[in-house]
Amino acid sequence: MVNMDGFVNRLQEIMSYYGESASSFAEKIGVQRSSISHILSGRNKPSLDFILKILTAYPNVDLYWLFNGKGEFPSKSKSEAIKKETDLFSTNEALKIETPIPTPKENGKKEIERIVIFYSDGSFKNYQN
């Protein structure tokens, strides 16, 4: 069972750390403003969906810390992993790929061989002809 007073304090700590008002926090995690208000006042308990939305929007929040206050916030191991991931995509070294220059086909017509779409979360889709 989640200690509601502790949970409310940790929720307020998250909002304070990121400089979010209740309205901006609700918008960022994708819930109604009244949901935040009801949880902060102790009227309602957070749903699992609510918790998962916080963890998705704020990767430095540790689930164990959010539930029972044990652990640390912001999570240092997650912070370091996010920094390494960001560094990987921010350097030109990671993007240097040597590819041979294609020679045109005999008829001079070029064909698309492959299209790769990169998403902001680091995932990608590869479409090959």
N, C-alpha and C. Protein backbone atom coordinates (compact mmCIF):
# COMPACT_ATOMS: atom_id res chain seq x y z
N MET A 1 0.84 -1.18 0.00
CA MET A 1 0.00 0.00 0.00
C MET A 1 0.88 1.25 0.00
N VAL A 2 0.53 2.21 -0.80
CA VAL A 2 1.31 3.43 -0.92
C VAL A 2 0.91 4.40 0.19
N ASN A 3 1.90 4.93 0.89
CA ASN A 3 1.66 5.97 1.89
C ASN A 3 1.34 7.26 1.14
N MET A 4 0.08 7.69 1.20
CA MET A 4 -0.36 8.82 0.39
C MET A 4 0.34 10.13 0.75
N ASP A 5 0.59 10.38 2.04
CA ASP A 5 1.28 11.62 2.42
C ASP A 5 2.68 11.66 1.80
N GLY A 6 3.38 10.53 1.89
CA GLY A 6 4.72 10.45 1.31
C GLY A 6 4.67 10.57 -0.20
N PHE A 7 3.69 9.93 -0.83
CA PHE A 7 3.57 9.99 -2.28
C PHE A 7 3.33 11.43 -2.73
N VAL A 8 2.44 12.13 -2.03
CA VAL A 8 2.13 13.52 -2.38
C VAL A 8 3.39 14.37 -2.24
N ASN A 9 4.16 14.15 -1.19
CA ASN A 9 5.41 14.91 -1.00
C ASN A 9 6.39 14.63 -2.13
N ARG A 10 6.49 13.37 -2.55
CA ARG A 10 7.42 13.02 -3.63
C ARG A 10 6.93 13.59 -4.96
N LEU A 11 5.63 13.59 -5.17
CA LEU A 11 5.07 14.18 -6.38
C LEU A 11 5.37 15.68 -6.43
N GLN A 12 5.21 16.34 -5.30
CA GLN A 12 5.52 17.78 -5.23
C GLN A 12 7.02 18.02 -5.44
N GLU A 13 7.84 17.09 -4.94
CA GLU A 13 9.29 17.22 -5.14
C GLU A 13 9.65 17.11 -6.63
N ILE A 14 9.00 16.20 -7.33
CA ILE A 14 9.23 16.06 -8.78
C ILE A 14 8.83 17.35 -9.49
N MET A 15 7.65 17.86 -9.16
CA MET A 15 7.17 19.08 -9.80
C MET A 15 8.10 20.25 -9.51
N SER A 16 8.57 20.35 -8.28
CA SER A 16 9.48 21.42 -7.90
C SER A 16 10.83 21.29 -8.62
N TYR A 17 11.36 20.07 -8.68
CA TYR A 17 12.65 19.81 -9.31
C TYR A 17 12.64 20.25 -10.78
N TYR A 18 11.55 19.95 -11.48
CA TYR A 18 11.44 20.30 -12.89
C TYR A 18 10.81 21.66 -13.12
N GLY A 19 10.47 22.38 -12.03
CA GLY A 19 9.89 23.72 -12.16
C GLY A 19 8.52 23.71 -12.81
N GLU A 20 7.74 22.68 -12.53
CA GLU A 20 6.42 22.54 -13.14
C GLU A 20 5.32 22.98 -12.18
N SER A 21 4.33 23.68 -12.72
CA SER A 21 3.11 23.94 -11.96
C SER A 21 2.23 22.70 -12.11
N ALA A 22 1.16 22.65 -11.34
CA ALA A 22 0.26 21.50 -11.45
C ALA A 22 -0.31 21.40 -12.87
N SER A 23 -0.62 22.54 -13.47
CA SER A 23 -1.17 22.54 -14.83
C SER A 23 -0.16 22.05 -15.85
N SER A 24 1.07 22.56 -15.78
CA SER A 24 2.07 22.16 -16.76
C SER A 24 2.48 20.70 -16.55
N PHE A 25 2.50 20.26 -15.29
CA PHE A 25 2.82 18.86 -14.99
C PHE A 25 1.74 17.95 -15.58
N ALA A 26 0.47 18.32 -15.38
CA ALA A 26 -0.64 17.53 -15.91
C ALA A 26 -0.55 17.46 -17.43
N GLU A 27 -0.24 18.57 -18.07
CA GLU A 27 -0.13 18.60 -19.53
C GLU A 27 1.02 17.72 -20.00
N LYS A 28 2.15 17.78 -19.29
CA LYS A 28 3.33 17.02 -19.70
C LYS A 28 3.10 15.52 -19.60
N ILE A 29 2.38 15.06 -18.56
CA ILE A 29 2.17 13.62 -18.42
C ILE A 29 0.88 13.16 -19.10
N GLY A 30 0.07 14.11 -19.56
CA GLY A 30 -1.11 13.74 -20.34
C GLY A 30 -2.32 13.37 -19.51
N VAL A 31 -2.54 14.09 -18.40
CA VAL A 31 -3.75 13.88 -17.59
C VAL A 31 -4.45 15.21 -17.38
N GLN A 32 -5.67 15.16 -16.87
CA GLN A 32 -6.39 16.39 -16.60
C GLN A 32 -5.82 17.07 -15.36
N ARG A 33 -5.92 18.38 -15.33
CA ARG A 33 -5.43 19.17 -14.20
C ARG A 33 -6.12 18.72 -12.91
N SER A 34 -7.40 18.36 -12.98
CA SER A 34 -8.14 17.95 -11.79
C SER A 34 -7.56 16.67 -11.19
N SER A 35 -6.99 15.80 -12.02
CA SER A 35 -6.37 14.58 -11.50
C SER A 35 -5.22 14.90 -10.57
N ILE A 36 -4.39 15.86 -10.97
CA ILE A 36 -3.27 16.29 -10.14
C ILE A 36 -3.80 16.90 -8.85
N SER A 37 -4.77 17.78 -8.97
CA SER A 37 -5.34 18.45 -7.81
C SER A 37 -5.92 17.45 -6.81
N HIS A 38 -6.65 16.45 -7.30
CA HIS A 38 -7.27 15.47 -6.42
C HIS A 38 -6.22 14.59 -5.73
N ILE A 39 -5.15 14.28 -6.42
CA ILE A 39 -4.09 13.47 -5.80
C ILE A 39 -3.33 14.29 -4.77
N LEU A 40 -3.01 15.55 -5.12
CA LEU A 40 -2.28 16.41 -4.19
C LEU A 40 -3.08 16.70 -2.92
N SER A 41 -4.40 16.77 -3.05
CA SER A 41 -5.25 17.04 -1.89
C SER A 41 -5.53 15.78 -1.07
N GLY A 42 -5.20 14.61 -1.62
CA GLY A 42 -5.45 13.36 -0.93
C GLY A 42 -6.82 12.78 -1.20
N ARG A 43 -7.60 13.43 -2.04
CA ARG A 43 -8.94 12.94 -2.36
C ARG A 43 -8.89 11.62 -3.12
N ASN A 44 -7.99 11.52 -4.09
CA ASN A 44 -7.85 10.32 -4.90
C ASN A 44 -6.46 9.73 -4.74
N LYS A 45 -6.36 8.43 -4.98
CA LYS A 45 -5.07 7.76 -5.02
C LYS A 45 -4.64 7.66 -6.48
N PRO A 46 -3.33 7.63 -6.73
CA PRO A 46 -2.87 7.54 -8.12
C PRO A 46 -3.13 6.15 -8.70
N SER A 47 -3.52 6.13 -9.95
CA SER A 47 -3.72 4.86 -10.64
C SER A 47 -2.37 4.40 -11.20
N LEU A 48 -2.33 3.15 -11.61
CA LEU A 48 -1.12 2.62 -12.24
C LEU A 48 -0.81 3.39 -13.52
N ASP A 49 -1.84 3.72 -14.27
CA ASP A 49 -1.67 4.49 -15.50
C ASP A 49 -1.04 5.85 -15.20
N PHE A 50 -1.48 6.49 -14.13
CA PHE A 50 -0.93 7.78 -13.70
C PHE A 50 0.55 7.65 -13.39
N ILE A 51 0.91 6.62 -12.63
CA ILE A 51 2.32 6.38 -12.26
C ILE A 51 3.16 6.14 -13.51
N LEU A 52 2.65 5.32 -14.43
CA LEU A 52 3.41 5.02 -15.64
C LEU A 52 3.60 6.26 -16.51
N LYS A 53 2.62 7.14 -16.52
CA LYS A 53 2.75 8.38 -17.29
C LYS A 53 3.85 9.27 -16.71
N ILE A 54 3.97 9.29 -15.38
CA ILE A 54 5.04 10.06 -14.74
C ILE A 54 6.39 9.48 -15.13
N LEU A 55 6.52 8.16 -15.04
CA LEU A 55 7.79 7.51 -15.34
C LEU A 55 8.18 7.67 -16.81
N THR A 56 7.19 7.72 -17.69
CA THR A 56 7.48 7.91 -19.11
C THR A 56 7.92 9.34 -19.40
N ALA A 57 7.24 10.30 -18.81
CA ALA A 57 7.56 11.70 -19.07
C ALA A 57 8.82 12.16 -18.36
N TYR A 58 9.14 11.54 -17.23
CA TYR A 58 10.30 11.95 -16.43
C TYR A 58 11.17 10.71 -16.16
N PRO A 59 12.08 10.38 -17.06
CA PRO A 59 12.88 9.16 -16.92
C PRO A 59 13.80 9.15 -15.70
N ASN A 60 14.08 10.30 -15.09
CA ASN A 60 14.95 10.33 -13.92
C ASN A 60 14.22 9.94 -12.64
N VAL A 61 12.91 9.72 -12.72
CA VAL A 61 12.14 9.31 -11.56
C VAL A 61 12.20 7.79 -11.46
N ASP A 62 12.61 7.32 -10.30
CA ASP A 62 12.72 5.88 -10.06
C ASP A 62 11.40 5.38 -9.47
N LEU A 63 10.88 4.30 -10.02
CA LEU A 63 9.60 3.74 -9.58
C LEU A 63 9.61 3.41 -8.09
N TYR A 64 10.65 2.77 -7.62
CA TYR A 64 10.74 2.37 -6.22
C TYR A 64 10.73 3.59 -5.31
N TRP A 65 11.45 4.64 -5.72
CA TRP A 65 11.47 5.88 -4.94
C TRP A 65 10.09 6.53 -4.93
N LEU A 66 9.45 6.56 -6.07
CA LEU A 66 8.13 7.19 -6.17
C LEU A 66 7.11 6.48 -5.29
N PHE A 67 7.15 5.15 -5.25
CA PHE A 67 6.19 4.39 -4.45
C PHE A 67 6.44 4.49 -2.95
N ASN A 68 7.69 4.28 -2.53
CA ASN A 68 7.90 4.21 -1.09
C ASN A 68 9.00 5.12 -0.55
N GLY A 69 9.60 5.95 -1.37
CA GLY A 69 10.58 6.92 -0.89
C GLY A 69 11.97 6.35 -0.68
N LYS A 70 12.18 5.08 -0.98
CA LYS A 70 13.51 4.49 -0.82
C LYS A 70 14.24 4.58 -2.15
N GLY A 71 15.49 4.94 -2.06
CA GLY A 71 16.27 5.15 -3.27
C GLY A 71 16.63 6.62 -3.37
N GLU A 72 16.79 7.09 -4.56
CA GLU A 72 17.19 8.49 -4.73
C GLU A 72 16.45 9.12 -5.90
N PHE A 73 16.34 10.42 -5.80
CA PHE A 73 15.76 11.21 -6.88
C PHE A 73 16.62 12.45 -7.04
N PRO A 74 17.01 12.81 -8.23
CA PRO A 74 16.84 12.06 -9.48
C PRO A 74 17.74 10.84 -9.48
N SER A 75 17.31 9.82 -10.16
CA SER A 75 18.04 8.56 -10.23
C SER A 75 19.35 8.79 -10.97
N LYS A 76 20.47 8.59 -10.30
CA LYS A 76 21.78 8.86 -10.91
C LYS A 76 22.09 7.88 -12.03
N SER A 77 21.75 6.62 -11.84
CA SER A 77 22.07 5.64 -12.89
C SER A 77 21.29 5.95 -14.16
N LYS A 78 20.02 6.35 -14.02
CA LYS A 78 19.23 6.70 -15.20
C LYS A 78 19.74 7.99 -15.81
N SER A 79 20.14 8.95 -14.96
CA SER A 79 20.67 10.22 -15.47
C SER A 79 21.91 9.99 -16.32
N GLU A 80 22.80 9.12 -15.82
CA GLU A 80 24.03 8.84 -16.56
C GLU A 80 23.74 8.12 -17.87
N ALA A 81 22.79 7.19 -17.84
CA ALA A 81 22.43 6.46 -19.06
C ALA A 81 21.84 7.40 -20.09
N ILE A 82 20.99 8.32 -19.65
CA ILE A 82 20.39 9.29 -20.57
C ILE A 82 21.46 10.21 -21.13
N LYS A 83 22.42 10.63 -20.29
CA LYS A 83 23.50 11.50 -20.77
C LYS A 83 24.35 10.78 -21.81
N LYS A 84 24.67 9.50 -21.57
CA LYS A 84 25.46 8.75 -22.54
C LYS A 84 24.71 8.60 -23.85
N GLU A 85 23.41 8.34 -23.76
CA GLU A 85 22.59 8.19 -24.95
C GLU A 85 22.54 9.50 -25.72
N THR A 86 22.39 10.62 -25.01
CA THR A 86 22.35 11.93 -25.64
C THR A 86 23.69 12.23 -26.29
N ASP A 87 24.80 11.92 -25.59
CA ASP A 87 26.12 12.17 -26.14
C ASP A 87 26.33 11.38 -27.43
N LEU A 88 25.84 10.17 -27.48
CA LEU A 88 26.00 9.34 -28.67
C LEU A 88 25.38 10.02 -29.89
N PHE A 89 24.20 10.61 -29.71
CA PHE A 89 23.51 11.21 -30.83
C PHE A 89 23.94 12.65 -31.09
N SER A 90 24.70 13.25 -30.16
CA SER A 90 25.09 14.64 -30.36
C SER A 90 26.46 14.79 -31.01
N THR A 91 27.21 13.71 -31.13
CA THR A 91 28.53 13.81 -31.75
C THR A 91 28.47 13.40 -33.20
N ASN A 92 29.30 14.02 -33.98
CA ASN A 92 29.37 13.67 -35.39
C ASN A 92 30.06 12.34 -35.60
N GLU A 93 30.88 11.92 -34.63
CA GLU A 93 31.60 10.66 -34.76
C GLU A 93 30.65 9.49 -34.91
N ALA A 94 29.54 9.52 -34.18
CA ALA A 94 28.60 8.40 -34.23
C ALA A 94 27.89 8.34 -35.58
N LEU A 95 27.85 9.46 -36.27
CA LEU A 95 27.12 9.52 -37.52
C LEU A 95 27.98 9.27 -38.75
N LYS A 96 29.29 9.19 -38.56
CA LYS A 96 30.17 8.97 -39.70
C LYS A 96 30.08 7.52 -40.15
N ILE A 97 29.58 7.34 -41.32
CA ILE A 97 29.46 6.01 -41.89
C ILE A 97 30.06 6.08 -43.29
N GLU A 98 31.00 5.24 -43.54
CA GLU A 98 31.61 5.24 -44.86
C GLU A 98 30.82 4.33 -45.77
N THR A 99 30.30 4.90 -46.83
CA THR A 99 29.54 4.12 -47.79
C THR A 99 30.16 4.32 -49.17
N PRO A 100 30.21 3.28 -49.92
CA PRO A 100 30.76 3.43 -51.27
C PRO A 100 29.83 4.29 -52.13
N ILE A 101 30.43 5.04 -53.02
CA ILE A 101 29.64 5.87 -53.92
C ILE A 101 29.04 4.95 -54.98
N PRO A 102 27.71 4.97 -55.09
CA PRO A 102 27.08 4.05 -56.05
C PRO A 102 27.37 4.48 -57.48
N THR A 103 27.53 3.48 -58.32
CA THR A 103 27.72 3.77 -59.73
C THR A 103 26.36 3.63 -60.42
N PRO A 104 26.04 4.52 -61.34
CA PRO A 104 24.74 4.43 -62.00
C PRO A 104 24.61 3.14 -62.78
N LYS A 105 23.38 2.67 -62.87
CA LYS A 105 23.12 1.45 -63.65
C LYS A 105 23.37 1.78 -65.13
N GLU A 106 23.42 0.76 -65.91
CA GLU A 106 23.76 0.95 -67.32
C GLU A 106 22.80 1.90 -68.02
N ASN A 107 21.52 1.89 -67.64
CA ASN A 107 20.57 2.77 -68.32
C ASN A 107 20.57 4.18 -67.71
N GLY A 108 21.38 4.42 -66.68
CA GLY A 108 21.47 5.74 -66.09
C GLY A 108 20.38 6.05 -65.08
N LYS A 109 19.46 5.13 -64.87
CA LYS A 109 18.35 5.35 -63.95
C LYS A 109 18.76 4.90 -62.54
N LYS A 110 18.58 5.80 -61.55
CA LYS A 110 18.90 5.47 -60.17
C LYS A 110 17.66 4.87 -59.49
N GLU A 111 17.90 3.93 -58.63
CA GLU A 111 16.82 3.31 -57.87
C GLU A 111 17.08 3.51 -56.38
N ILE A 112 16.00 3.67 -55.64
CA ILE A 112 16.12 3.78 -54.19
C ILE A 112 16.35 2.39 -53.63
N GLU A 113 17.41 2.27 -52.88
CA GLU A 113 17.76 0.97 -52.31
C GLU A 113 17.19 0.81 -50.91
N ARG A 114 17.26 1.89 -50.09
CA ARG A 114 16.85 1.78 -48.71
C ARG A 114 16.50 3.15 -48.16
N ILE A 115 15.48 3.20 -47.30
CA ILE A 115 15.11 4.42 -46.59
C ILE A 115 15.10 4.08 -45.10
N VAL A 116 15.78 4.90 -44.29
CA VAL A 116 15.81 4.70 -42.85
C VAL A 116 15.25 5.95 -42.20
N ILE A 117 14.27 5.77 -41.33
CA ILE A 117 13.67 6.89 -40.61
C ILE A 117 14.07 6.77 -39.15
N PHE A 118 14.70 7.81 -38.60
CA PHE A 118 15.13 7.83 -37.21
C PHE A 118 14.14 8.66 -36.40
N TYR A 119 13.73 8.14 -35.25
CA TYR A 119 12.80 8.82 -34.36
C TYR A 119 13.57 9.42 -33.18
N SER A 120 12.96 10.42 -32.54
CA SER A 120 13.63 11.14 -31.45
C SER A 120 13.91 10.25 -30.24
N ASP A 121 13.21 9.14 -30.09
CA ASP A 121 13.47 8.26 -28.94
C ASP A 121 14.61 7.27 -29.21
N GLY A 122 15.27 7.41 -30.35
CA GLY A 122 16.41 6.54 -30.68
C GLY A 122 16.03 5.33 -31.51
N SER A 123 14.74 5.08 -31.69
CA SER A 123 14.33 3.94 -32.51
C SER A 123 14.35 4.35 -33.99
N PHE A 124 14.21 3.36 -34.86
CA PHE A 124 14.22 3.65 -36.29
C PHE A 124 13.44 2.58 -37.03
N LYS A 125 13.07 2.93 -38.27
CA LYS A 125 12.43 1.97 -39.17
C LYS A 125 13.27 1.91 -40.43
N ASN A 126 13.46 0.71 -40.93
CA ASN A 126 14.29 0.49 -42.10
C ASN A 126 13.39 -0.07 -43.21
N TYR A 127 13.31 0.65 -44.31
CA TYR A 127 12.53 0.18 -45.46
C TYR A 127 13.52 -0.12 -46.57
N GLN A 128 13.50 -1.38 -47.04
CA GLN A 128 14.46 -1.80 -48.05
C GLN A 128 13.72 -2.26 -49.30
N ASN A 129 14.26 -1.89 -50.45
CA ASN A 129 13.66 -2.24 -51.72
C ASN A 129 13.97 -3.66 -52.10
